[in-house]
mmCIF file of all heavy atoms, coordinates in Angstrom:
data_MODEL
# 
_entry.id   MODEL 
# 
loop_
_atom_site.group_PDB 
_atom_site.id 
_atom_site.type_symbol 
_atom_site.label_atom_id 
_atom_site.label_alt_id 
_atom_site.label_comp_id 
_atom_site.label_asym_id 
_atom_site.label_entity_id 
_atom_site.label_seq_id 
_atom_site.pdbx_PDB_ins_code 
_atom_site.Cartn_x 
_atom_site.Cartn_y 
_atom_site.Cartn_z 
_atom_site.occupancy 
_atom_site.B_iso_or_equiv 
_atom_site.pdbx_formal_charge 
_atom_site.auth_seq_id 
_atom_site.auth_comp_id 
_atom_site.auth_asym_id 
_atom_site.auth_atom_id 
_atom_site.pdbx_PDB_model_num 
ATOM 1   N N   . LEU A 1 1  ? -7.271  -28.342 -10.266 1.00 0.00 ? 1  LEU A N   1 
ATOM 2   C CA  . LEU A 1 1  ? -6.679  -27.013 -10.410 1.00 0.00 ? 1  LEU A CA  1 
ATOM 3   C C   . LEU A 1 1  ? -6.987  -26.420 -11.780 1.00 0.00 ? 1  LEU A C   1 
ATOM 4   O O   . LEU A 1 1  ? -7.252  -25.211 -11.894 1.00 0.00 ? 1  LEU A O   1 
ATOM 5   C CB  . LEU A 1 1  ? -5.163  -27.081 -10.201 1.00 0.00 ? 1  LEU A CB  1 
ATOM 6   C CG  . LEU A 1 1  ? -4.696  -27.232 -8.756  1.00 0.00 ? 1  LEU A CG  1 
ATOM 7   C CD1 . LEU A 1 1  ? -3.191  -27.491 -8.704  1.00 0.00 ? 1  LEU A CD1 1 
ATOM 8   C CD2 . LEU A 1 1  ? -5.048  -25.999 -7.942  1.00 0.00 ? 1  LEU A CD2 1 
ATOM 9   N N   . LEU A 1 2  ? -6.984  -27.233 -12.807 1.00 0.00 ? 2  LEU A N   1 
ATOM 10  C CA  . LEU A 1 2  ? -7.308  -26.742 -14.148 1.00 0.00 ? 2  LEU A CA  1 
ATOM 11  C C   . LEU A 1 2  ? -8.769  -26.304 -14.245 1.00 0.00 ? 2  LEU A C   1 
ATOM 12  O O   . LEU A 1 2  ? -9.078  -25.275 -14.853 1.00 0.00 ? 2  LEU A O   1 
ATOM 13  C CB  . LEU A 1 2  ? -6.986  -27.802 -15.199 1.00 0.00 ? 2  LEU A CB  1 
ATOM 14  C CG  . LEU A 1 2  ? -5.499  -28.106 -15.384 1.00 0.00 ? 2  LEU A CG  1 
ATOM 15  C CD1 . LEU A 1 2  ? -5.308  -29.271 -16.342 1.00 0.00 ? 2  LEU A CD1 1 
ATOM 16  C CD2 . LEU A 1 2  ? -4.747  -26.881 -15.851 1.00 0.00 ? 2  LEU A CD2 1 
ATOM 17  N N   . VAL A 1 3  ? -9.666  -27.087 -13.630 1.00 0.00 ? 3  VAL A N   1 
ATOM 18  C CA  . VAL A 1 3  ? -11.081 -26.694 -13.600 1.00 0.00 ? 3  VAL A CA  1 
ATOM 19  C C   . VAL A 1 3  ? -11.231 -25.386 -12.832 1.00 0.00 ? 3  VAL A C   1 
ATOM 20  O O   . VAL A 1 3  ? -11.922 -24.470 -13.271 1.00 0.00 ? 3  VAL A O   1 
ATOM 21  C CB  . VAL A 1 3  ? -11.956 -27.811 -12.973 1.00 0.00 ? 3  VAL A CB  1 
ATOM 22  C CG1 . VAL A 1 3  ? -13.350 -27.299 -12.654 1.00 0.00 ? 3  VAL A CG1 1 
ATOM 23  C CG2 . VAL A 1 3  ? -12.019 -29.023 -13.884 1.00 0.00 ? 3  VAL A CG2 1 
ATOM 24  N N   . ALA A 1 4  ? -10.561 -25.278 -11.690 1.00 0.00 ? 4  ALA A N   1 
ATOM 25  C CA  . ALA A 1 4  ? -10.644 -24.063 -10.871 1.00 0.00 ? 4  ALA A CA  1 
ATOM 26  C C   . ALA A 1 4  ? -10.121 -22.857 -11.644 1.00 0.00 ? 4  ALA A C   1 
ATOM 27  O O   . ALA A 1 4  ? -10.723 -21.777 -11.605 1.00 0.00 ? 4  ALA A O   1 
ATOM 28  C CB  . ALA A 1 4  ? -9.852  -24.248 -9.575  1.00 0.00 ? 4  ALA A CB  1 
ATOM 29  N N   . ALA A 1 5  ? -9.018  -23.030 -12.356 1.00 0.00 ? 5  ALA A N   1 
ATOM 30  C CA  . ALA A 1 5  ? -8.462  -21.919 -13.130 1.00 0.00 ? 5  ALA A CA  1 
ATOM 31  C C   . ALA A 1 5  ? -9.403  -21.520 -14.265 1.00 0.00 ? 5  ALA A C   1 
ATOM 32  O O   . ALA A 1 5  ? -9.611  -20.331 -14.511 1.00 0.00 ? 5  ALA A O   1 
ATOM 33  C CB  . ALA A 1 5  ? -7.090  -22.293 -13.684 1.00 0.00 ? 5  ALA A CB  1 
ATOM 34  N N   . SER A 1 6  ? -9.995  -22.513 -14.911 1.00 0.00 ? 6  SER A N   1 
ATOM 35  C CA  . SER A 1 6  ? -10.872 -22.184 -16.046 1.00 0.00 ? 6  SER A CA  1 
ATOM 36  C C   . SER A 1 6  ? -12.128 -21.450 -15.590 1.00 0.00 ? 6  SER A C   1 
ATOM 37  O O   . SER A 1 6  ? -12.565 -20.506 -16.245 1.00 0.00 ? 6  SER A O   1 
ATOM 38  C CB  . SER A 1 6  ? -11.231 -23.434 -16.846 1.00 0.00 ? 6  SER A CB  1 
ATOM 39  O OG  . SER A 1 6  ? -12.087 -24.270 -16.111 1.00 0.00 ? 6  SER A OG  1 
ATOM 40  N N   . VAL A 1 7  ? -12.716 -21.852 -14.463 1.00 0.00 ? 7  VAL A N   1 
ATOM 41  C CA  . VAL A 1 7  ? -13.909 -21.140 -13.998 1.00 0.00 ? 7  VAL A CA  1 
ATOM 42  C C   . VAL A 1 7  ? -13.545 -19.813 -13.335 1.00 0.00 ? 7  VAL A C   1 
ATOM 43  O O   . VAL A 1 7  ? -14.373 -18.916 -13.249 1.00 0.00 ? 7  VAL A O   1 
ATOM 44  C CB  . VAL A 1 7  ? -14.800 -22.000 -13.056 1.00 0.00 ? 7  VAL A CB  1 
ATOM 45  C CG1 . VAL A 1 7  ? -15.300 -23.231 -13.758 1.00 0.00 ? 7  VAL A CG1 1 
ATOM 46  C CG2 . VAL A 1 7  ? -14.091 -22.363 -11.774 1.00 0.00 ? 7  VAL A CG2 1 
ATOM 47  N N   . GLY A 1 8  ? -12.308 -19.666 -12.897 1.00 0.00 ? 8  GLY A N   1 
ATOM 48  C CA  . GLY A 1 8  ? -11.882 -18.431 -12.252 1.00 0.00 ? 8  GLY A CA  1 
ATOM 49  C C   . GLY A 1 8  ? -11.430 -17.341 -13.216 1.00 0.00 ? 8  GLY A C   1 
ATOM 50  O O   . GLY A 1 8  ? -11.266 -16.192 -12.818 1.00 0.00 ? 8  GLY A O   1 
ATOM 51  N N   . LEU A 1 9  ? -11.239 -17.694 -14.493 1.00 0.00 ? 9  LEU A N   1 
ATOM 52  C CA  . LEU A 1 9  ? -10.779 -16.693 -15.459 1.00 0.00 ? 9  LEU A CA  1 
ATOM 53  C C   . LEU A 1 9  ? -11.777 -15.554 -15.646 1.00 0.00 ? 9  LEU A C   1 
ATOM 54  O O   . LEU A 1 9  ? -11.379 -14.403 -15.836 1.00 0.00 ? 9  LEU A O   1 
ATOM 55  C CB  . LEU A 1 9  ? -10.469 -17.352 -16.800 1.00 0.00 ? 9  LEU A CB  1 
ATOM 56  C CG  . LEU A 1 9  ? -9.171  -18.155 -16.844 1.00 0.00 ? 9  LEU A CG  1 
ATOM 57  C CD1 . LEU A 1 9  ? -9.016  -18.822 -18.194 1.00 0.00 ? 9  LEU A CD1 1 
ATOM 58  C CD2 . LEU A 1 9  ? -7.968  -17.285 -16.527 1.00 0.00 ? 9  LEU A CD2 1 
ATOM 59  N N   . SER A 1 10 ? -13.058 -15.866 -15.573 1.00 0.00 ? 10 SER A N   1 
ATOM 60  C CA  . SER A 1 10 ? -14.046 -14.789 -15.699 1.00 0.00 ? 10 SER A CA  1 
ATOM 61  C C   . SER A 1 10 ? -13.952 -13.834 -14.504 1.00 0.00 ? 10 SER A C   1 
ATOM 62  O O   . SER A 1 10 ? -14.151 -12.634 -14.648 1.00 0.00 ? 10 SER A O   1 
ATOM 63  C CB  . SER A 1 10 ? -15.457 -15.352 -15.846 1.00 0.00 ? 10 SER A CB  1 
ATOM 64  O OG  . SER A 1 10 ? -15.794 -16.167 -14.747 1.00 0.00 ? 10 SER A OG  1 
ATOM 65  N N   . ASN A 1 11 ? -13.614 -14.367 -13.331 1.00 0.00 ? 11 ASN A N   1 
ATOM 66  C CA  . ASN A 1 11 ? -13.429 -13.506 -12.160 1.00 0.00 ? 11 ASN A CA  1 
ATOM 67  C C   . ASN A 1 11 ? -12.206 -12.613 -12.335 1.00 0.00 ? 11 ASN A C   1 
ATOM 68  O O   . ASN A 1 11 ? -12.231 -11.449 -11.942 1.00 0.00 ? 11 ASN A O   1 
ATOM 69  C CB  . ASN A 1 11 ? -13.272 -14.338 -10.892 1.00 0.00 ? 11 ASN A CB  1 
ATOM 70  C CG  . ASN A 1 11 ? -14.569 -14.914 -10.430 1.00 0.00 ? 11 ASN A CG  1 
ATOM 71  O OD1 . ASN A 1 11 ? -15.448 -15.200 -11.233 1.00 0.00 ? 11 ASN A OD1 1 
ATOM 72  N ND2 . ASN A 1 11 ? -14.703 -15.130 -9.152  1.00 0.00 ? 11 ASN A ND2 1 
ATOM 73  N N   . LEU A 1 12 ? -11.145 -13.154 -12.916 1.00 0.00 ? 12 LEU A N   1 
ATOM 74  C CA  . LEU A 1 12 ? -9.952  -12.361 -13.176 1.00 0.00 ? 12 LEU A CA  1 
ATOM 75  C C   . LEU A 1 12 ? -10.309 -11.181 -14.078 1.00 0.00 ? 12 LEU A C   1 
ATOM 76  O O   . LEU A 1 12 ? -9.978  -10.032 -13.770 1.00 0.00 ? 12 LEU A O   1 
ATOM 77  C CB  . LEU A 1 12 ? -8.873  -13.225 -13.844 1.00 0.00 ? 12 LEU A CB  1 
ATOM 78  C CG  . LEU A 1 12 ? -7.630  -12.480 -14.345 1.00 0.00 ? 12 LEU A CG  1 
ATOM 79  C CD1 . LEU A 1 12 ? -6.773  -12.012 -13.186 1.00 0.00 ? 12 LEU A CD1 1 
ATOM 80  C CD2 . LEU A 1 12 ? -6.822  -13.363 -15.275 1.00 0.00 ? 12 LEU A CD2 1 
ATOM 81  N N   . ALA A 1 13 ? -10.995 -11.467 -15.161 1.00 0.00 ? 13 ALA A N   1 
ATOM 82  C CA  . ALA A 1 13 ? -11.361 -10.416 -16.109 1.00 0.00 ? 13 ALA A CA  1 
ATOM 83  C C   . ALA A 1 13 ? -12.286 -9.377  -15.466 1.00 0.00 ? 13 ALA A C   1 
ATOM 84  O O   . ALA A 1 13 ? -12.097 -8.171  -15.637 1.00 0.00 ? 13 ALA A O   1 
ATOM 85  C CB  . ALA A 1 13 ? -12.017 -11.030 -17.338 1.00 0.00 ? 13 ALA A CB  1 
ATOM 86  N N   . ALA A 1 14 ? -13.284 -9.838  -14.730 1.00 0.00 ? 14 ALA A N   1 
ATOM 87  C CA  . ALA A 1 14 ? -14.207 -8.900  -14.078 1.00 0.00 ? 14 ALA A CA  1 
ATOM 88  C C   . ALA A 1 14 ? -13.492 -8.073  -13.009 1.00 0.00 ? 14 ALA A C   1 
ATOM 89  O O   . ALA A 1 14 ? -13.756 -6.877  -12.862 1.00 0.00 ? 14 ALA A O   1 
ATOM 90  C CB  . ALA A 1 14 ? -15.384 -9.652  -13.473 1.00 0.00 ? 14 ALA A CB  1 
ATOM 91  N N   . ALA A 1 15 ? -12.577 -8.708  -12.275 1.00 0.00 ? 15 ALA A N   1 
ATOM 92  C CA  . ALA A 1 15 ? -11.846 -7.986  -11.229 1.00 0.00 ? 15 ALA A CA  1 
ATOM 93  C C   . ALA A 1 15 ? -10.950 -6.910  -11.833 1.00 0.00 ? 15 ALA A C   1 
ATOM 94  O O   . ALA A 1 15 ? -10.756 -5.850  -11.228 1.00 0.00 ? 15 ALA A O   1 
ATOM 95  C CB  . ALA A 1 15 ? -11.022 -8.958  -10.386 1.00 0.00 ? 15 ALA A CB  1 
ATOM 96  N N   . ILE A 1 16 ? -10.412 -7.153  -13.025 1.00 0.00 ? 16 ILE A N   1 
ATOM 97  C CA  . ILE A 1 16 ? -9.638  -6.109  -13.703 1.00 0.00 ? 16 ILE A CA  1 
ATOM 98  C C   . ILE A 1 16 ? -10.545 -4.899  -13.941 1.00 0.00 ? 16 ILE A C   1 
ATOM 99  O O   . ILE A 1 16 ? -10.172 -3.763  -13.663 1.00 0.00 ? 16 ILE A O   1 
ATOM 100 C CB  . ILE A 1 16 ? -9.040  -6.626  -15.022 1.00 0.00 ? 16 ILE A CB  1 
ATOM 101 C CG1 . ILE A 1 16 ? -7.923  -7.645  -14.733 1.00 0.00 ? 16 ILE A CG1 1 
ATOM 102 C CG2 . ILE A 1 16 ? -8.487  -5.465  -15.869 1.00 0.00 ? 16 ILE A CG2 1 
ATOM 103 C CD1 . ILE A 1 16 ? -7.421  -8.388  -15.957 1.00 0.00 ? 16 ILE A CD1 1 
ATOM 104 N N   . GLY A 1 17 ? -11.761 -5.159  -14.427 1.00 0.00 ? 17 GLY A N   1 
ATOM 105 C CA  . GLY A 1 17 ? -12.713 -4.070  -14.662 1.00 0.00 ? 17 GLY A CA  1 
ATOM 106 C C   . GLY A 1 17 ? -13.079 -3.344  -13.387 1.00 0.00 ? 17 GLY A C   1 
ATOM 107 O O   . GLY A 1 17 ? -13.153 -2.110  -13.355 1.00 0.00 ? 17 GLY A O   1 
ATOM 108 N N   . ILE A 1 18 ? -13.296 -4.078  -12.323 1.00 0.00 ? 18 ILE A N   1 
ATOM 109 C CA  . ILE A 1 18 ? -13.629 -3.456  -11.035 1.00 0.00 ? 18 ILE A CA  1 
ATOM 110 C C   . ILE A 1 18 ? -12.444 -2.642  -10.537 1.00 0.00 ? 18 ILE A C   1 
ATOM 111 O O   . ILE A 1 18 ? -12.607 -1.542  -10.015 1.00 0.00 ? 18 ILE A O   1 
ATOM 112 C CB  . ILE A 1 18 ? -14.043 -4.531  -10.006 1.00 0.00 ? 18 ILE A CB  1 
ATOM 113 C CG1 . ILE A 1 18 ? -15.365 -5.172  -10.421 1.00 0.00 ? 18 ILE A CG1 1 
ATOM 114 C CG2 . ILE A 1 18 ? -14.144 -3.929  -8.601  1.00 0.00 ? 18 ILE A CG2 1 
ATOM 115 C CD1 . ILE A 1 18 ? -15.729 -6.418  -9.628  1.00 0.00 ? 18 ILE A CD1 1 
ATOM 116 N N   . GLY A 1 19 ? -11.235 -3.180  -10.697 1.00 0.00 ? 19 GLY A N   1 
ATOM 117 C CA  . GLY A 1 19 ? -10.034 -2.496  -10.226 1.00 0.00 ? 19 GLY A CA  1 
ATOM 118 C C   . GLY A 1 19 ? -9.790  -1.152  -10.881 1.00 0.00 ? 19 GLY A C   1 
ATOM 119 O O   . GLY A 1 19 ? -9.168  -0.273  -10.290 1.00 0.00 ? 19 GLY A O   1 
ATOM 120 N N   . PHE A 1 20 ? -10.287 -0.963  -12.097 1.00 0.00 ? 20 PHE A N   1 
ATOM 121 C CA  . PHE A 1 20 ? -10.124 0.311   -12.784 1.00 0.00 ? 20 PHE A CA  1 
ATOM 122 C C   . PHE A 1 20 ? -10.732 1.454   -11.983 1.00 0.00 ? 20 PHE A C   1 
ATOM 123 O O   . PHE A 1 20 ? -10.302 2.589   -12.110 1.00 0.00 ? 20 PHE A O   1 
ATOM 124 C CB  . PHE A 1 20 ? -10.769 0.265   -14.175 1.00 0.00 ? 20 PHE A CB  1 
ATOM 125 C CG  . PHE A 1 20 ? -9.820  -0.120  -15.260 1.00 0.00 ? 20 PHE A CG  1 
ATOM 126 C CD1 . PHE A 1 20 ? -9.577  -1.450  -15.529 1.00 0.00 ? 20 PHE A CD1 1 
ATOM 127 C CD2 . PHE A 1 20 ? -9.183  0.846   -16.003 1.00 0.00 ? 20 PHE A CD2 1 
ATOM 128 C CE1 . PHE A 1 20 ? -8.709  -1.809  -16.527 1.00 0.00 ? 20 PHE A CE1 1 
ATOM 129 C CE2 . PHE A 1 20 ? -8.311  0.496   -17.010 1.00 0.00 ? 20 PHE A CE2 1 
ATOM 130 C CZ  . PHE A 1 20 ? -8.060  -0.838  -17.274 1.00 0.00 ? 20 PHE A CZ  1 
ATOM 131 N N   . GLY A 1 21 ? -11.741 1.167   -11.182 1.00 0.00 ? 21 GLY A N   1 
ATOM 132 C CA  . GLY A 1 21 ? -12.399 2.208   -10.404 1.00 0.00 ? 21 GLY A CA  1 
ATOM 133 C C   . GLY A 1 21 ? -11.643 2.598   -9.159  1.00 0.00 ? 21 GLY A C   1 
ATOM 134 O O   . GLY A 1 21 ? -12.046 3.492   -8.433  1.00 0.00 ? 21 GLY A O   1 
ATOM 135 N N   . GLY A 1 22 ? -10.543 1.927   -8.882  1.00 0.00 ? 22 GLY A N   1 
ATOM 136 C CA  . GLY A 1 22 ? -9.758  2.203   -7.689  1.00 0.00 ? 22 GLY A CA  1 
ATOM 137 C C   . GLY A 1 22 ? -9.791  1.014   -6.747  1.00 0.00 ? 22 GLY A C   1 
ATOM 138 O O   . GLY A 1 22 ? -10.814 0.357   -6.614  1.00 0.00 ? 22 GLY A O   1 
ATOM 139 N N   . VAL A 1 23 ? -8.658  0.727   -6.131  1.00 0.00 ? 23 VAL A N   1 
ATOM 140 C CA  . VAL A 1 23 ? -8.540  -0.444  -5.268  1.00 0.00 ? 23 VAL A CA  1 
ATOM 141 C C   . VAL A 1 23 ? -8.137  -0.003  -3.874  1.00 0.00 ? 23 VAL A C   1 
ATOM 142 O O   . VAL A 1 23 ? -7.095  0.612   -3.683  1.00 0.00 ? 23 VAL A O   1 
ATOM 143 C CB  . VAL A 1 23 ? -7.508  -1.452  -5.826  1.00 0.00 ? 23 VAL A CB  1 
ATOM 144 C CG1 . VAL A 1 23 ? -7.401  -2.661  -4.933  1.00 0.00 ? 23 VAL A CG1 1 
ATOM 145 C CG2 . VAL A 1 23 ? -7.877  -1.867  -7.240  1.00 0.00 ? 23 VAL A CG2 1 
ATOM 146 N N   . THR A 1 24 ? -8.999  -0.316  -2.920  1.00 0.00 ? 24 THR A N   1 
ATOM 147 C CA  . THR A 1 24 ? -8.694  -0.063  -1.518  1.00 0.00 ? 24 THR A CA  1 
ATOM 148 C C   . THR A 1 24 ? -8.660  -1.416  -0.803  1.00 0.00 ? 24 THR A C   1 
ATOM 149 O O   . THR A 1 24 ? -9.049  -2.440  -1.371  1.00 0.00 ? 24 THR A O   1 
ATOM 150 C CB  . THR A 1 24 ? -9.787  0.808   -0.875  1.00 0.00 ? 24 THR A CB  1 
ATOM 151 O OG1 . THR A 1 24 ? -11.030 0.081   -0.903  1.00 0.00 ? 24 THR A OG1 1 
ATOM 152 C CG2 . THR A 1 24 ? -9.962  2.135   -1.604  1.00 0.00 ? 24 THR A CG2 1 
ATOM 153 N N   . ALA A 1 25 ? -8.221  -1.406  0.430   1.00 0.00 ? 25 ALA A N   1 
ATOM 154 C CA  . ALA A 1 25 ? -8.218  -2.651  1.211   1.00 0.00 ? 25 ALA A CA  1 
ATOM 155 C C   . ALA A 1 25 ? -9.641  -3.192  1.327   1.00 0.00 ? 25 ALA A C   1 
ATOM 156 O O   . ALA A 1 25 ? -9.867  -4.410  1.228   1.00 0.00 ? 25 ALA A O   1 
ATOM 157 C CB  . ALA A 1 25 ? -7.618  -2.409  2.595   1.00 0.00 ? 25 ALA A CB  1 
# 
């Protein structure tokens, strides 16, 4: 779980950037 969280943090950050453009289903 710690490995998964550490490699997933970049996805969290990138998804925040993507979300700025608007979030639809």
